[in-house]
Amino acid sequence: MIPAQLKDPVLSLFRIVTGVLFLCHGAASIFGLFGGNPATGGAVPFATWPGWWAALIQLVCGALVLVGLFTRPAALLASGSMAYAYFVVHQPHHLVPMQNGGELAALFCWSFLLVAVLGPGNWALDALLARRRSTATEPTAAPASIPV
């Protein structure tokens, strides 16, 4: 395989892995799974700002990006939420991510921005739906008319 042939599969795998990891962060904070929220070790109380809402974005957008459905808007929302997390939660402690604990927020922010710009790749529900729409709207061959 040449690198051009790897573009779509690698982009799809990148989207899938990023979506799974983001979904896991949301599940940890909302349901207390995987050791719970990193700050508390349990589930974040329902509807508390900003933690529960951020976790809901992580859960929903992570799932959407994982399956590749509404990928671009979901990835853009996820990217924005991680930019918010970085600048509001981490950056006030120190500018550099290695010193303020914001490496994951920065990586997720830029990763989701990349997915929003490049799209979901071929292995996505968005791509499947687009293929179905294009085949449904293709004109069919007109029947040959028989002269009378």
Protein backbone atom coordinates (compact mmCIF):
# COMPACT_ATOMS: atom_id res chain seq x y z
CA MET A 1 0.00 0.00 0.00
CA ILE A 2 1.12 3.49 -0.68
CA PRO A 3 0.57 6.30 1.85
CA ALA A 4 -2.31 7.84 -0.17
CA GLN A 5 -4.22 4.57 0.19
CA LEU A 6 -3.75 4.70 3.97
CA LYS A 7 -5.32 8.16 4.39
CA ASP A 8 -8.95 7.12 4.87
CA PRO A 9 -8.35 4.01 7.02
CA VAL A 10 -5.90 5.86 9.28
CA LEU A 11 -8.21 8.87 9.58
CA SER A 12 -11.10 6.55 10.47
CA LEU A 13 -9.01 4.70 13.05
CA PHE A 14 -7.82 8.00 14.54
CA ARG A 15 -11.44 9.17 14.82
CA ILE A 16 -12.57 5.87 16.38
CA VAL A 17 -9.79 5.74 18.99
CA THR A 18 -10.23 9.42 19.89
CA GLY A 19 -13.99 8.92 20.21
CA VAL A 20 -13.57 5.85 22.46
CA LEU A 21 -11.16 7.65 24.76
CA PHE A 22 -13.41 10.72 25.01
CA LEU A 23 -16.47 8.55 25.63
CA CYS A 24 -14.61 6.76 28.43
CA HIS A 25 -13.82 10.09 30.11
CA GLY A 26 -17.50 11.02 29.98
CA ALA A 27 -18.59 7.61 31.31
CA ALA A 28 -16.10 7.90 34.17
CA SER A 29 -17.47 11.26 35.25
CA ILE A 30 -21.19 10.60 34.72
CA PHE A 31 -21.45 6.98 35.86
CA GLY A 32 -18.34 6.65 38.04
CA LEU A 33 -16.88 3.95 35.76
CA PHE A 34 -13.17 3.29 35.23
CA GLY A 35 -12.26 4.75 38.63
CA GLY A 36 -14.63 7.70 38.36
CA ASN A 37 -13.90 11.34 37.72
CA PRO A 38 -10.16 12.02 38.04
CA ALA A 39 -10.76 14.81 40.57
CA THR A 40 -13.24 13.00 42.84
CA GLY A 41 -12.88 9.29 42.11
CA GLY A 42 -16.65 8.98 41.67
CA ALA A 43 -19.51 10.26 39.58
CA VAL A 44 -19.97 14.03 39.26
CA PRO A 45 -23.25 15.16 40.87
CA PHE A 46 -26.08 15.58 38.37
CA ALA A 47 -26.18 18.91 36.46
CA THR A 48 -23.31 20.56 38.34
CA TRP A 49 -21.49 23.24 36.36
CA PRO A 50 -19.19 22.75 34.54
CA GLY A 51 -18.12 19.18 35.40
CA TRP A 52 -21.33 17.26 34.72
CA TRP A 53 -22.08 19.18 31.53
CA ALA A 54 -18.53 18.67 30.28
CA ALA A 55 -18.87 14.96 31.01
CA LEU A 56 -22.16 14.87 29.09
CA ILE A 57 -20.44 16.48 26.10
CA GLN A 58 -17.64 13.92 26.41
CA LEU A 59 -20.10 11.02 26.54
CA VAL A 60 -22.38 12.13 23.71
CA CYS A 61 -19.76 13.64 21.39
CA GLY A 62 -17.40 10.74 22.06
CA ALA A 63 -20.11 8.28 21.02
CA LEU A 64 -21.05 10.29 17.92
CA VAL A 65 -17.42 10.67 16.83
CA LEU A 66 -16.79 6.97 17.54
CA VAL A 67 -19.53 5.80 15.18
CA GLY A 68 -19.01 8.68 12.75
CA LEU A 69 -22.48 10.19 12.97
CA PHE A 70 -22.81 14.00 12.81
CA THR A 71 -19.04 13.79 13.07
CA ARG A 72 -18.02 17.32 12.15
CA PRO A 73 -20.43 19.17 14.50
CA ALA A 74 -19.78 16.69 17.33
CA ALA A 75 -16.01 17.00 16.89
CA LEU A 76 -16.25 20.80 16.79
CA LEU A 77 -18.28 20.85 20.03
CA ALA A 78 -15.82 18.44 21.65
CA SER A 79 -12.88 20.57 20.52
CA GLY A 80 -14.47 23.71 21.91
CA SER A 81 -15.25 22.06 25.23
CA MET A 82 -11.63 20.99 25.57
CA ALA A 83 -10.41 24.48 24.69
CA TYR A 84 -12.71 25.79 27.44
CA ALA A 85 -11.35 23.17 29.85
CA TYR A 86 -7.79 24.09 29.03
CA PHE A 87 -8.16 27.86 29.36
CA VAL A 88 -10.56 27.91 32.33
CA VAL A 89 -9.39 24.91 34.38
CA HIS A 90 -5.72 24.35 33.52
CA GLN A 91 -4.15 27.51 32.10
CA PRO A 92 -4.74 29.70 35.19
CA HIS A 93 -2.31 27.43 37.11
CA HIS A 94 0.49 27.75 34.57
CA LEU A 95 0.85 28.51 30.86
CA VAL A 96 2.64 25.30 29.83
CA PRO A 97 0.50 22.12 29.62
CA MET A 98 3.20 19.94 31.19
CA GLN A 99 3.09 22.16 34.28
CA ASN A 100 -0.67 22.74 34.55
CA GLY A 101 -1.95 19.19 33.89
CA GLY A 102 -3.70 20.20 30.69
CA GLU A 103 -2.00 17.81 28.26
CA LEU A 104 -5.15 15.73 27.69
CA ALA A 105 -7.34 18.79 27.22
CA ALA A 106 -4.90 20.22 24.67
CA LEU A 107 -4.53 16.90 22.82
CA PHE A 108 -8.28 16.29 22.70
CA CYS A 109 -8.89 19.88 21.58
CA TRP A 110 -6.51 19.63 18.63
CA SER A 111 -7.47 16.04 17.81
CA PHE A 112 -11.16 16.88 17.55
CA LEU A 113 -10.39 20.01 15.55
CA LEU A 114 -8.48 17.80 13.09
CA VAL A 115 -11.46 15.43 12.81
CA ALA A 116 -13.85 18.38 12.34
CA VAL A 117 -11.70 19.74 9.50
CA LEU A 118 -10.76 16.48 7.74
CA GLY A 119 -14.07 14.67 8.29
CA PRO A 120 -14.79 11.18 9.55
CA GLY A 121 -13.10 9.05 6.89
CA ASN A 122 -14.74 6.23 4.95
CA TRP A 123 -15.46 3.99 7.95
CA ALA A 124 -18.23 6.17 9.37
CA LEU A 125 -22.01 6.25 9.44
CA ASP A 126 -21.84 9.72 7.85
CA ALA A 127 -20.00 8.23 4.85
CA LEU A 128 -22.44 5.32 4.65
CA LEU A 129 -25.44 7.66 4.70
CA ALA A 130 -23.83 9.89 2.05
CA ARG A 131 -23.24 6.86 -0.20
CA ARG A 132 -26.86 5.74 0.23
CA ARG A 133 -28.14 9.24 -0.55
CA SER A 134 -26.03 9.46 -3.69
CA THR A 135 -27.21 6.08 -4.99
CA ALA A 136 -30.83 6.94 -4.21
CA THR A 137 -30.65 10.21 -6.15
CA GLU A 138 -28.75 8.88 -9.17
CA PRO A 139 -30.92 9.07 -12.25
CA THR A 140 -31.98 5.72 -13.57
CA ALA A 141 -31.75 4.96 -17.26
CA ALA A 142 -34.91 5.99 -19.06
CA PRO A 143 -36.73 3.10 -20.70
CA ALA A 144 -36.27 2.96 -24.42
CA SER A 145 -39.33 4.29 -26.17
CA ILE A 146 -40.86 2.14 -28.81
CA PRO A 147 -41.97 4.05 -31.91
CA VAL A 148 -45.63 3.71 -32.66
